């Protein structure tokens, strides 16, 4: 929406973003059993509250369905045992194909929003974010 208003951000940092709230990416099936925090049944209730009357395929609800061309630089942080991870990989691929600069931080074995946790991997991610935002 900012792009459409002509507002350009220097960089957008995404932490374990929910990108396609239809949750129909078949790759989620392989990750979901290993994700200790998130599962489709529990998330669907939160999704319905958040989206209100907007359809699941509306890009404001599922930004992965939007045209990514013309977005500013992205920094994306995702753990590999997070059910949002398969869609994060799709976002990175689609954004790069659209000419968007992407700095992808993929953390093996990490969970949803790991950069916000008081663990060494979280501290490392937060340090990387600070450096990206200063540059």
C-alpha atoms as a PDB file:
ATOM      1  CA  UNK A   1       0.000   0.000   0.000  1.00  0.00           C
ATOM      2  CA  UNK A   2       2.914   2.348   0.704  1.00  0.00           C
ATOM      3  CA  UNK A   3       4.295   1.675  -2.772  1.00  0.00           C
ATOM      4  CA  UNK A   4       0.957   2.655  -4.287  1.00  0.00           C
ATOM      5  CA  UNK A   5       1.032   5.912  -2.299  1.00  0.00           C
ATOM      6  CA  UNK A   6       4.527   6.663  -3.590  1.00  0.00           C
ATOM      7  CA  UNK A   7       6.113   6.197  -0.172  1.00  0.00           C
ATOM      8  CA  UNK A   8       9.461   4.435  -0.338  1.00  0.00           C
ATOM      9  CA  UNK A   9      11.037   2.902   2.745  1.00  0.00           C
ATOM     10  CA  UNK A  10      14.807   2.482   2.936  1.00  0.00           C
ATOM     11  CA  UNK A  11      14.308  -1.135   3.997  1.00  0.00           C
ATOM     12  CA  UNK A  12      11.503  -3.287   5.321  1.00  0.00           C
ATOM     13  CA  UNK A  13      12.376  -5.903   7.926  1.00  0.00           C
ATOM     14  CA  UNK A  14      10.100  -8.939   8.039  1.00  0.00           C
ATOM     15  CA  UNK A  15      10.288 -11.340  10.979  1.00  0.00           C
ATOM     16  CA  UNK A  16       8.565 -14.680  10.343  1.00  0.00           C
ATOM     17  CA  UNK A  17       5.911 -12.997   8.212  1.00  0.00           C
ATOM     18  CA  UNK A  18       2.542 -14.590   7.544  1.00  0.00           C
ATOM     19  CA  UNK A  19       2.368 -14.129   3.791  1.00  0.00           C
ATOM     20  CA  UNK A  20      -0.467 -16.303   2.458  1.00  0.00           C
ATOM     21  CA  UNK A  21      -3.197 -16.796   5.018  1.00  0.00           C
ATOM     22  CA  UNK A  22      -4.936 -19.396   2.897  1.00  0.00           C
ATOM     23  CA  UNK A  23      -2.255 -21.721   4.350  1.00  0.00           C
ATOM     24  CA  UNK A  24      -2.521 -23.947   1.290  1.00  0.00           C
ATOM     25  CA  UNK A  25       1.155 -24.207   0.360  1.00  0.00           C
ATOM     26  CA  UNK A  26       1.728 -28.000   0.268  1.00  0.00           C
ATOM     27  CA  UNK A  27       5.251 -27.501   1.669  1.00  0.00           C
ATOM     28  CA  UNK A  28       3.668 -26.481   4.984  1.00  0.00           C
ATOM     29  CA  UNK A  29       2.668 -30.141   5.422  1.00  0.00           C
ATOM     30  CA  UNK A  30       6.325 -31.107   5.877  1.00  0.00           C
ATOM     31  CA  UNK A  31       7.103 -28.304   8.342  1.00  0.00           C
ATOM     32  CA  UNK A  32       3.944 -28.283  10.464  1.00  0.00           C
ATOM     33  CA  UNK A  33       4.672 -31.536  12.397  1.00  0.00           C
ATOM     34  CA  UNK A  34       8.056 -30.111  13.500  1.00  0.00           C
ATOM     35  CA  UNK A  35       6.742 -26.633  14.437  1.00  0.00           C
ATOM     36  CA  UNK A  36       6.363 -26.603  18.237  1.00  0.00           C
ATOM     37  CA  UNK A  37       4.359 -23.356  18.287  1.00  0.00           C
ATOM     38  CA  UNK A  38       2.128 -22.990  15.249  1.00  0.00           C
ATOM     39  CA  UNK A  39      -0.429 -25.263  13.616  1.00  0.00           C
ATOM     40  CA  UNK A  40      -3.131 -24.516  11.078  1.00  0.00           C
ATOM     41  CA  UNK A  41      -6.129 -25.241  13.362  1.00  0.00           C
ATOM     42  CA  UNK A  42      -5.038 -22.734  16.002  1.00  0.00           C
ATOM     43  CA  UNK A  43      -3.969 -20.086  13.534  1.00  0.00           C
ATOM     44  CA  UNK A  44      -7.209 -20.134  11.525  1.00  0.00           C
ATOM     45  CA  UNK A  45      -9.157 -18.560  14.396  1.00  0.00           C
ATOM     46  CA  UNK A  46      -6.642 -15.725  14.693  1.00  0.00           C
ATOM     47  CA  UNK A  47      -6.652 -15.251  10.921  1.00  0.00           C
ATOM     48  CA  UNK A  48     -10.430 -14.925  10.822  1.00  0.00           C
ATOM     49  CA  UNK A  49     -10.400 -12.324  13.606  1.00  0.00           C
ATOM     50  CA  UNK A  50      -7.611 -10.331  11.969  1.00  0.00           C
ATOM     51  CA  UNK A  51      -8.945 -10.284   8.408  1.00  0.00           C
ATOM     52  CA  UNK A  52     -12.539  -9.451   9.384  1.00  0.00           C
ATOM     53  CA  UNK A  53     -14.520  -9.288   6.125  1.00  0.00           C
ATOM     54  CA  UNK A  54     -11.542  -9.328   3.767  1.00  0.00           C
ATOM     55  CA  UNK A  55     -11.194 -12.488   1.649  1.00  0.00           C
ATOM     56  CA  UNK A  56      -8.148 -14.680   2.220  1.00  0.00           C
ATOM     57  CA  UNK A  57      -6.892 -13.994  -1.307  1.00  0.00           C
ATOM     58  CA  UNK A  58      -6.872 -10.208  -0.812  1.00  0.00           C
ATOM     59  CA  UNK A  59      -3.219  -9.035  -0.997  1.00  0.00           C
ATOM     60  CA  UNK A  60      -3.772  -7.010   2.195  1.00  0.00           C
ATOM     61  CA  UNK A  61      -4.404 -10.329   3.937  1.00  0.00           C
ATOM     62  CA  UNK A  62      -2.057 -12.504   1.874  1.00  0.00           C
ATOM     63  CA  UNK A  63       0.710 -10.219   0.581  1.00  0.00           C
ATOM     64  CA  UNK A  64       2.383 -13.092  -1.250  1.00  0.00           C
ATOM     65  CA  UNK A  65      -0.435 -12.763  -3.795  1.00  0.00           C
ATOM     66  CA  UNK A  66       0.440  -9.131  -4.552  1.00  0.00           C
ATOM     67  CA  UNK A  67       2.598  -7.768  -7.360  1.00  0.00           C
ATOM     68  CA  UNK A  68       6.024  -7.422  -5.760  1.00  0.00           C
ATOM     69  CA  UNK A  69       7.606  -5.283  -8.477  1.00  0.00           C
ATOM     70  CA  UNK A  70       8.732  -1.903  -7.256  1.00  0.00           C
ATOM     71  CA  UNK A  71       9.040  -2.827  -3.587  1.00  0.00           C
ATOM     72  CA  UNK A  72      11.958  -1.387  -1.699  1.00  0.00           C
ATOM     73  CA  UNK A  73      14.687  -3.571  -0.194  1.00  0.00           C
ATOM     74  CA  UNK A  74      13.581  -6.381   2.113  1.00  0.00           C
ATOM     75  CA  UNK A  75      15.354  -8.078   4.999  1.00  0.00           C
ATOM     76  CA  UNK A  76      13.601 -11.339   5.849  1.00  0.00           C
ATOM     77  CA  UNK A  77      14.230 -13.465   8.940  1.00  0.00           C
ATOM     78  CA  UNK A  78      12.734 -16.945   9.179  1.00  0.00           C
ATOM     79  CA  UNK A  79      13.364 -20.167  11.052  1.00  0.00           C
ATOM     80  CA  UNK A  80      13.134 -23.462   9.205  1.00  0.00           C
ATOM     81  CA  UNK A  81      10.716 -25.087  11.688  1.00  0.00           C
ATOM     82  CA  UNK A  82       8.109 -22.345  11.367  1.00  0.00           C
ATOM     83  CA  UNK A  83       5.017 -23.057   9.272  1.00  0.00           C
ATOM     84  CA  UNK A  84       5.428 -19.626   7.687  1.00  0.00           C
ATOM     85  CA  UNK A  85       8.847 -20.698   6.325  1.00  0.00           C
ATOM     86  CA  UNK A  86       7.627 -22.287   3.053  1.00  0.00           C
ATOM     87  CA  UNK A  87       5.838 -19.069   2.101  1.00  0.00           C
ATOM     88  CA  UNK A  88       8.861 -17.011   3.153  1.00  0.00           C
ATOM     89  CA  UNK A  89      10.934 -18.981   0.652  1.00  0.00           C
ATOM     90  CA  UNK A  90       8.296 -18.251  -2.014  1.00  0.00           C
ATOM     91  CA  UNK A  91       8.388 -14.553  -1.145  1.00  0.00           C
ATOM     92  CA  UNK A  92      12.169 -14.428  -1.435  1.00  0.00           C
ATOM     93  CA  UNK A  93      12.074 -16.186  -4.804  1.00  0.00           C
ATOM     94  CA  UNK A  94       9.260 -14.030  -6.193  1.00  0.00           C
ATOM     95  CA  UNK A  95      10.779 -10.795  -4.873  1.00  0.00           C
ATOM     96  CA  UNK A  96      14.171 -11.550  -6.405  1.00  0.00           C
ATOM     97  CA  UNK A  97      12.482 -12.410  -9.722  1.00  0.00           C
ATOM     98  CA  UNK A  98      10.679  -9.048  -9.553  1.00  0.00           C
ATOM     99  CA  UNK A  99      13.977  -7.209  -9.106  1.00  0.00           C
ATOM    100  CA  UNK A 100      13.582  -6.534  -5.388  1.00  0.00           C
ATOM    101  CA  UNK A 101      16.721  -6.492  -3.248  1.00  0.00           C
ATOM    102  CA  UNK A 102      16.363  -9.209  -0.581  1.00  0.00           C
ATOM    103  CA  UNK A 103      18.616  -9.963   2.363  1.00  0.00           C
ATOM    104  CA  UNK A 104      17.360 -13.395   3.509  1.00  0.00           C
ATOM    105  CA  UNK A 105      18.304 -14.725   6.951  1.00  0.00           C
ATOM    106  CA  UNK A 106      17.325 -18.385   7.121  1.00  0.00           C
ATOM    107  CA  UNK A 107      17.941 -19.956  10.537  1.00  0.00           C
ATOM    108  CA  UNK A 108      18.152 -23.744  10.653  1.00  0.00           C
ATOM    109  CA  UNK A 109      16.046 -25.310  13.393  1.00  0.00           C
ATOM    110  CA  UNK A 110      14.610 -22.019  14.610  1.00  0.00           C
ATOM    111  CA  UNK A 111      10.954 -21.356  15.419  1.00  0.00           C
ATOM    112  CA  UNK A 112       8.486 -18.568  14.651  1.00  0.00           C
ATOM    113  CA  UNK A 113       9.796 -15.075  15.509  1.00  0.00           C
ATOM    114  CA  UNK A 114      13.088 -16.492  16.781  1.00  0.00           C
ATOM    115  CA  UNK A 115      14.797 -13.074  16.431  1.00  0.00           C
ATOM    116  CA  UNK A 116      12.607 -11.794  19.255  1.00  0.00           C
ATOM    117  CA  UNK A 117      13.583 -14.570  21.668  1.00  0.00           C
ATOM    118  CA  UNK A 118      16.267 -14.213  24.378  1.00  0.00           C
ATOM    119  CA  UNK A 119      18.520 -16.831  22.786  1.00  0.00           C
ATOM    120  CA  UNK A 120      21.919 -16.497  21.055  1.00  0.00           C
ATOM    121  CA  UNK A 121      20.342 -16.881  17.594  1.00  0.00           C
ATOM    122  CA  UNK A 122      17.871 -14.116  18.448  1.00  0.00           C
ATOM    123  CA  UNK A 123      20.662 -11.790  19.537  1.00  0.00           C
ATOM    124  CA  UNK A 124      22.575 -12.520  16.330  1.00  0.00           C
ATOM    125  CA  UNK A 125      19.474 -11.753  14.244  1.00  0.00           C
ATOM    126  CA  UNK A 126      18.773  -8.522  16.125  1.00  0.00           C
ATOM    127  CA  UNK A 127      22.388  -7.420  15.603  1.00  0.00           C
ATOM    128  CA  UNK A 128      22.027  -8.124  11.874  1.00  0.00           C
ATOM    129  CA  UNK A 129      18.758  -6.149  11.761  1.00  0.00           C
ATOM    130  CA  UNK A 130      20.329  -3.167  13.486  1.00  0.00           C
ATOM    131  CA  UNK A 131      23.228  -3.193  11.022  1.00  0.00           C
ATOM    132  CA  UNK A 132      20.836  -3.404   8.054  1.00  0.00           C
ATOM    133  CA  UNK A 133      18.729  -0.543   9.340  1.00  0.00           C
ATOM    134  CA  UNK A 134      21.799   1.625   9.925  1.00  0.00           C
ATOM    135  CA  UNK A 135      23.167   1.026   6.416  1.00  0.00           C
END
